[in-house]
Amino acid sequence: MQRKSNPDELIRMLYDIADDVEAPANSRLSAIKEILDRTVGKGVMLEEAQDRAPVEIVFRIADEDTNSR
């Protein structure tokens, strides 16, 4: 029986897959899509987005040691 992973471990796994240059491209793209869907949300349809300003997206991986202060 597999142990349950906590959400932080699963998110870290997605980032590790997305950052692994030796991983298959489809695995990396799937990981990136999951990260974006969960952090930014699903994309809007083009017709809805035409009147909106561009958005800059910045991703940071927080280091547990740095954030524990």
PDB file of N, CA and C in Angstrom:
ATOM      1  N   MET A   1       0.840  -1.173   0.000  1.00  0.00           N
ATOM      2  CA  MET A   1       0.000   0.000   0.000  1.00  0.00           C
ATOM      3  C   MET A   1       0.889   1.243   0.000  1.00  0.00           C
ATOM      4  N   GLN A   2       0.590   2.211  -0.845  1.00  0.00           N
ATOM      5  CA  GLN A   2       1.391   3.428  -0.932  1.00  0.00           C
ATOM      6  C   GLN A   2       1.027   4.394   0.186  1.00  0.00           C
ATOM      7  N   ARG A   3       2.041   5.125   0.648  1.00  0.00           N
ATOM      8  CA  ARG A   3       1.741   6.157   1.635  1.00  0.00           C
ATOM      9  C   ARG A   3       1.234   7.395   0.915  1.00  0.00           C
ATOM     10  N   LYS A   4       0.443   8.185   1.603  1.00  0.00           N
ATOM     11  CA  LYS A   4      -0.077   9.409   1.005  1.00  0.00           C
ATOM     12  C   LYS A   4       0.985  10.496   1.095  1.00  0.00           C
ATOM     13  N   SER A   5       1.198  11.204  -0.017  1.00  0.00           N
ATOM     14  CA  SER A   5       2.136  12.318  -0.026  1.00  0.00           C
ATOM     15  C   SER A   5       1.389  13.581   0.362  1.00  0.00           C
ATOM     16  N   ASN A   6       2.086  14.464   1.051  1.00  0.00           N
ATOM     17  CA  ASN A   6       1.424  15.717   1.380  1.00  0.00           C
ATOM     18  C   ASN A   6       1.456  16.636   0.167  1.00  0.00           C
ATOM     19  N   PRO A   7       0.583  17.620   0.094  1.00  0.00           N
ATOM     20  CA  PRO A   7       0.497  18.500  -1.086  1.00  0.00           C
ATOM     21  C   PRO A   7       1.808  19.206  -1.407  1.00  0.00           C
ATOM     22  N   ASP A   8       2.570  19.602  -0.385  1.00  0.00           N
ATOM     23  CA  ASP A   8       3.842  20.278  -0.642  1.00  0.00           C
ATOM     24  C   ASP A   8       4.815  19.368  -1.392  1.00  0.00           C
ATOM     25  N   GLU A   9       4.847  18.091  -1.019  1.00  0.00           N
ATOM     26  CA  GLU A   9       5.724  17.135  -1.710  1.00  0.00           C
ATOM     27  C   GLU A   9       5.283  16.951  -3.156  1.00  0.00           C
ATOM     28  N   LEU A  10       3.984  16.884  -3.376  1.00  0.00           N
ATOM     29  CA  LEU A  10       3.472  16.689  -4.738  1.00  0.00           C
ATOM     30  C   LEU A  10       3.780  17.895  -5.620  1.00  0.00           C
ATOM     31  N   ILE A  11       3.642  19.090  -5.075  1.00  0.00           N
ATOM     32  CA  ILE A  11       3.963  20.297  -5.847  1.00  0.00           C
ATOM     33  C   ILE A  11       5.449  20.331  -6.165  1.00  0.00           C
ATOM     34  N   ARG A  12       6.273  19.964  -5.184  1.00  0.00           N
ATOM     35  CA  ARG A  12       7.720  19.915  -5.408  1.00  0.00           C
ATOM     36  C   ARG A  12       8.049  18.918  -6.521  1.00  0.00           C
ATOM     37  N   MET A  13       7.337  17.789  -6.547  1.00  0.00           N
ATOM     38  CA  MET A  13       7.548  16.791  -7.605  1.00  0.00           C
ATOM     39  C   MET A  13       7.227  17.383  -8.973  1.00  0.00           C
ATOM     40  N   LEU A  14       6.137  18.156  -9.066  1.00  0.00           N
ATOM     41  CA  LEU A  14       5.784  18.795 -10.339  1.00  0.00           C
ATOM     42  C   LEU A  14       6.896  19.750 -10.783  1.00  0.00           C
ATOM     43  N   TYR A  15       7.400  20.563  -9.852  1.00  0.00           N
ATOM     44  CA  TYR A  15       8.487  21.484 -10.194  1.00  0.00           C
ATOM     45  C   TYR A  15       9.741  20.721 -10.615  1.00  0.00           C
ATOM     46  N   ASP A  16      10.037  19.619  -9.933  1.00  0.00           N
ATOM     47  CA  ASP A  16      11.211  18.825 -10.291  1.00  0.00           C
ATOM     48  C   ASP A  16      11.090  18.245 -11.695  1.00  0.00           C
ATOM     49  N   ILE A  17       9.903  17.752 -12.037  1.00  0.00           N
ATOM     50  CA  ILE A  17       9.672  17.203 -13.383  1.00  0.00           C
ATOM     51  C   ILE A  17       9.788  18.305 -14.428  1.00  0.00           C
ATOM     52  N   ALA A  18       9.174  19.452 -14.162  1.00  0.00           N
ATOM     53  CA  ALA A  18       9.203  20.562 -15.118  1.00  0.00           C
ATOM     54  C   ALA A  18      10.629  21.060 -15.348  1.00  0.00           C
ATOM     55  N   ASP A  19      11.474  20.973 -14.334  1.00  0.00           N
ATOM     56  CA  ASP A  19      12.840  21.494 -14.409  1.00  0.00           C
ATOM     57  C   ASP A  19      13.855  20.461 -14.894  1.00  0.00           C
ATOM     58  N   ASP A  20      13.460  19.209 -15.040  1.00  0.00           N
ATOM     59  CA  ASP A  20      14.374  18.128 -15.414  1.00  0.00           C
ATOM     60  C   ASP A  20      14.571  18.101 -16.932  1.00  0.00           C
ATOM     61  N   VAL A  21      15.736  18.546 -17.380  1.00  0.00           N
ATOM     62  CA  VAL A  21      16.003  18.609 -18.816  1.00  0.00           C
ATOM     63  C   VAL A  21      16.074  17.224 -19.466  1.00  0.00           C
ATOM     64  N   GLU A  22      16.262  16.179 -18.657  1.00  0.00           N
ATOM     65  CA  GLU A  22      16.327  14.827 -19.202  1.00  0.00           C
ATOM     66  C   GLU A  22      14.973  14.119 -19.212  1.00  0.00           C
ATOM     67  N   ALA A  23      13.973  14.730 -18.617  1.00  0.00           N
ATOM     68  CA  ALA A  23      12.624  14.139 -18.608  1.00  0.00           C
ATOM     69  C   ALA A  23      12.012  14.281 -20.005  1.00  0.00           C
ATOM     70  N   PRO A  24      11.129  13.362 -20.378  1.00  0.00           N
ATOM     71  CA  PRO A  24      10.463  13.479 -21.682  1.00  0.00           C
ATOM     72  C   PRO A  24       9.699  14.800 -21.780  1.00  0.00           C
ATOM     73  N   ALA A  25       9.694  15.375 -22.966  1.00  0.00           N
ATOM     74  CA  ALA A  25       9.056  16.677 -23.175  1.00  0.00           C
ATOM     75  C   ALA A  25       7.586  16.669 -22.759  1.00  0.00           C
ATOM     76  N   ASN A  26       6.869  15.572 -23.063  1.00  0.00           N
ATOM     77  CA  ASN A  26       5.443  15.547 -22.710  1.00  0.00           C
ATOM     78  C   ASN A  26       5.250  15.530 -21.193  1.00  0.00           C
ATOM     79  N   SER A  27       6.153  14.924 -20.452  1.00  0.00           N
ATOM     80  CA  SER A  27       6.073  14.934 -18.989  1.00  0.00           C
ATOM     81  C   SER A  27       6.330  16.332 -18.444  1.00  0.00           C
ATOM     82  N   ARG A  28       7.330  16.997 -19.016  1.00  0.00           N
ATOM     83  CA  ARG A  28       7.637  18.361 -18.577  1.00  0.00           C
ATOM     84  C   ARG A  28       6.475  19.299 -18.873  1.00  0.00           C
ATOM     85  N   LEU A  29       5.905  19.185 -20.065  1.00  0.00           N
ATOM     86  CA  LEU A  29       4.772  20.044 -20.424  1.00  0.00           C
ATOM     87  C   LEU A  29       3.560  19.775 -19.545  1.00  0.00           C
ATOM     88  N   SER A  30       3.302  18.525 -19.236  1.00  0.00           N
ATOM     89  CA  SER A  30       2.181  18.186 -18.352  1.00  0.00           C
ATOM     90  C   SER A  30       2.389  18.778 -16.961  1.00  0.00           C
ATOM     91  N   ALA A  31       3.607  18.698 -16.453  1.00  0.00           N
ATOM     92  CA  ALA A  31       3.906  19.267 -15.139  1.00  0.00           C
ATOM     93  C   ALA A  31       3.724  20.783 -15.155  1.00  0.00           C
ATOM     94  N   ILE A  32       4.217  21.431 -16.204  1.00  0.00           N
ATOM     95  CA  ILE A  32       4.071  22.886 -16.334  1.00  0.00           C
ATOM     96  C   ILE A  32       2.605  23.272 -16.401  1.00  0.00           C
ATOM     97  N   LYS A  33       1.824  22.518 -17.155  1.00  0.00           N
ATOM     98  CA  LYS A  33       0.388  22.808 -17.273  1.00  0.00           C
ATOM     99  C   LYS A  33      -0.295  22.693 -15.919  1.00  0.00           C
ATOM    100  N   GLU A  34       0.026  21.655 -15.158  1.00  0.00           N
ATOM    101  CA  GLU A  34      -0.572  21.480 -13.833  1.00  0.00           C
ATOM    102  C   GLU A  34      -0.188  22.621 -12.899  1.00  0.00           C
ATOM    103  N   ILE A  35       1.078  23.026 -12.947  1.00  0.00           N
ATOM    104  CA  ILE A  35       1.526  24.134 -12.105  1.00  0.00           C
ATOM    105  C   ILE A  35       0.762  25.402 -12.468  1.00  0.00           C
ATOM    106  N   LEU A  36       0.673  25.700 -13.750  1.00  0.00           N
ATOM    107  CA  LEU A  36      -0.035  26.905 -14.187  1.00  0.00           C
ATOM    108  C   LEU A  36      -1.515  26.851 -13.838  1.00  0.00           C
ATOM    109  N   ASP A  37      -2.157  25.706 -14.062  1.00  0.00           N
ATOM    110  CA  ASP A  37      -3.583  25.580 -13.748  1.00  0.00           C
ATOM    111  C   ASP A  37      -3.855  25.817 -12.271  1.00  0.00           C
ATOM    112  N   ARG A  38      -2.947  25.383 -11.428  1.00  0.00           N
ATOM    113  CA  ARG A  38      -3.167  25.504  -9.989  1.00  0.00           C
ATOM    114  C   ARG A  38      -2.738  26.848  -9.413  1.00  0.00           C
ATOM    115  N   THR A  39      -1.833  27.548 -10.093  1.00  0.00           N
ATOM    116  CA  THR A  39      -1.365  28.830  -9.566  1.00  0.00           C
ATOM    117  C   THR A  39      -2.025  30.017 -10.248  1.00  0.00           C
ATOM    118  N   VAL A  40      -2.192  29.940 -11.551  1.00  0.00           N
ATOM    119  CA  VAL A  40      -2.751  31.053 -12.307  1.00  0.00           C
ATOM    120  C   VAL A  40      -4.225  30.814 -12.616  1.00  0.00           C
ATOM    121  N   GLY A  41      -4.593  29.569 -12.794  1.00  0.00           N
ATOM    122  CA  GLY A  41      -5.963  29.235 -13.166  1.00  0.00           C
ATOM    123  C   GLY A  41      -6.023  28.861 -14.633  1.00  0.00           C
ATOM    124  N   LYS A  42      -7.147  28.351 -15.027  1.00  0.00           N
ATOM    125  CA  LYS A  42      -7.341  27.976 -16.429  1.00  0.00           C
ATOM    126  C   LYS A  42      -7.345  29.232 -17.288  1.00  0.00           C
ATOM    127  N   GLY A  43      -6.900  29.101 -18.507  1.00  0.00           N
ATOM    128  CA  GLY A  43      -6.871  30.237 -19.421  1.00  0.00           C
ATOM    129  C   GLY A  43      -8.271  30.702 -19.807  1.00  0.00           C
ATOM    130  N   VAL A  44      -8.371  31.980 -20.114  1.00  0.00           N
ATOM    131  CA  VAL A  44      -9.654  32.531 -20.555  1.00  0.00           C
ATOM    132  C   VAL A  44      -9.736  32.437 -22.073  1.00  0.00           C
ATOM    133  N   MET A  45     -10.933  32.411 -22.573  1.00  0.00           N
ATOM    134  CA  MET A  45     -11.131  32.377 -24.021  1.00  0.00           C
ATOM    135  C   MET A  45     -10.660  33.708 -24.602  1.00  0.00           C
ATOM    136  N   LEU A  46     -10.154  33.690 -25.815  1.00  0.00           N
ATOM    137  CA  LEU A  46      -9.582  34.874 -26.443  1.00  0.00           C
ATOM    138  C   LEU A  46     -10.572  36.033 -26.496  1.00  0.00           C
ATOM    139  N   GLU A  47     -11.838  35.765 -26.805  1.00  0.00           N
ATOM    140  CA  GLU A  47     -12.826  36.841 -26.906  1.00  0.00           C
ATOM    141  C   GLU A  47     -12.965  37.572 -25.575  1.00  0.00           C
ATOM    142  N   GLU A  48     -12.863  36.859 -24.459  1.00  0.00           N
ATOM    143  CA  GLU A  48     -12.998  37.477 -23.142  1.00  0.00           C
ATOM    144  C   GLU A  48     -11.757  38.289 -22.781  1.00  0.00           C
ATOM    145  N   ALA A  49     -10.613  37.916 -23.298  1.00  0.00           N
ATOM    146  CA  ALA A  49      -9.354  38.537 -22.888  1.00  0.00           C
ATOM    147  C   ALA A  49      -8.967  39.740 -23.733  1.00  0.00           C
ATOM    148  N   GLN A  50      -9.666  40.041 -24.803  1.00  0.00           N
ATOM    149  CA  GLN A  50      -9.255  41.111 -25.703  1.00  0.00           C
ATOM    150  C   GLN A  50      -9.229  42.481 -25.042  1.00  0.00           C
ATOM    151  N   ASP A  51     -10.097  42.728 -24.085  1.00  0.00           N
ATOM    152  CA  ASP A  51     -10.146  44.041 -23.453  1.00  0.00           C
ATOM    153  C   ASP A  51      -9.315  44.126 -22.176  1.00  0.00           C
ATOM    154  N   ARG A  52      -8.527  43.120 -21.878  1.00  0.00           N
ATOM    155  CA  ARG A  52      -7.721  43.110 -20.653  1.00  0.00           C
ATOM    156  C   ARG A  52      -6.265  43.435 -20.948  1.00  0.00           C
ATOM    157  N   ALA A  53      -5.625  44.037 -19.973  1.00  0.00           N
ATOM    158  CA  ALA A  53      -4.208  44.367 -20.097  1.00  0.00           C
ATOM    159  C   ALA A  53      -3.371  43.094 -19.960  1.00  0.00           C
ATOM    160  N   PRO A  54      -2.163  43.080 -20.519  1.00  0.00           N
ATOM    161  CA  PRO A  54      -1.287  41.914 -20.381  1.00  0.00           C
ATOM    162  C   PRO A  54      -0.945  41.662 -18.912  1.00  0.00           C
ATOM    163  N   VAL A  55      -0.649  40.421 -18.584  1.00  0.00           N
ATOM    164  CA  VAL A  55      -0.322  40.024 -17.225  1.00  0.00           C
ATOM    165  C   VAL A  55       1.086  39.446 -17.204  1.00  0.00           C
ATOM    166  N   GLU A  56       1.877  39.869 -16.229  1.00  0.00           N
ATOM    167  CA  GLU A  56       3.209  39.302 -16.044  1.00  0.00           C
ATOM    168  C   GLU A  56       3.115  38.255 -14.943  1.00  0.00           C
ATOM    169  N   ILE A  57       3.630  37.073 -15.216  1.00  0.00           N
ATOM    170  CA  ILE A  57       3.585  35.975 -14.252  1.00  0.00           C
ATOM    171  C   ILE A  57       5.001  35.676 -13.797  1.00  0.00           C
ATOM    172  N   VAL A  58       5.213  35.675 -12.483  1.00  0.00           N
ATOM    173  CA  VAL A  58       6.524  35.388 -11.907  1.00  0.00           C
ATOM    174  C   VAL A  58       6.378  34.193 -10.980  1.00  0.00           C
ATOM    175  N   PHE A  59       7.184  33.160 -11.187  1.00  0.00           N
ATOM    176  CA  PHE A  59       7.159  31.967 -10.352  1.00  0.00           C
ATOM    177  C   PHE A  59       8.402  31.945  -9.484  1.00  0.00           C
ATOM    178  N   ARG A  60       8.217  31.618  -8.218  1.00  0.00           N
ATOM    179  CA  ARG A  60       9.340  31.455  -7.308  1.00  0.00           C
ATOM    180  C   ARG A  60       9.147  30.169  -6.535  1.00  0.00           C
ATOM    181  N   ILE A  61      10.212  29.435  -6.366  1.00  0.00           N
ATOM    182  CA  ILE A  61      10.175  28.251  -5.513  1.00  0.00           C
ATOM    183  C   ILE A  61      10.716  28.680  -4.163  1.00  0.00           C
ATOM    184  N   ALA A  62       9.855  28.627  -3.183  1.00  0.00           N
ATOM    185  CA  ALA A  62      10.254  29.068  -1.845  1.00  0.00           C
ATOM    186  C   ALA A  62      11.097  28.000  -1.170  1.00  0.00           C
ATOM    187  N   ASP A  63      12.153  28.413  -0.562  1.00  0.00           N
ATOM    188  CA  ASP A  63      13.017  27.512   0.194  1.00  0.00           C
ATOM    189  C   ASP A  63      12.498  27.450   1.619  1.00  0.00           C
ATOM    190  N   GLU A  64      12.229  26.249   2.104  1.00  0.00           N
ATOM    191  CA  GLU A  64      11.667  26.077   3.442  1.00  0.00           C
ATOM    192  C   GLU A  64      12.554  26.697   4.509  1.00  0.00           C
ATOM    193  N   ASP A  65      13.868  26.594   4.374  1.00  0.00           N
ATOM    194  CA  ASP A  65      14.780  27.144   5.365  1.00  0.00           C
ATOM    195  C   ASP A  65      14.688  28.670   5.404  1.00  0.00           C
ATOM    196  N   THR A  66      14.570  29.293   4.260  1.00  0.00           N
ATOM    197  CA  THR A  66      14.492  30.747   4.182  1.00  0.00           C
ATOM    198  C   THR A  66      13.178  31.259   4.732  1.00  0.00           C
ATOM    199  N   ASN A  67      12.079  30.539   4.471  1.00  0.00           N
ATOM    200  CA  ASN A  67      10.747  30.990   4.866  1.00  0.00           C
ATOM    201  C   ASN A  67      10.376  30.606   6.294  1.00  0.00           C
ATOM    202  N   SER A  68      11.197  29.895   7.004  1.00  0.00           N
ATOM    203  CA  SER A  68      10.839  29.445   8.342  1.00  0.00           C
ATOM    204  C   SER A  68      11.185  30.467   9.427  1.00  0.00           C
ATOM    205  N   ARG A  69      11.747  31.581   9.029  1.00  0.00           N
ATOM    206  CA  ARG A  69      12.142  32.621  10.018  1.00  0.00           C
ATOM    207  C   ARG A  69      10.969  33.426  10.466  1.00  0.00           C
TER     208      ARG A  69
END
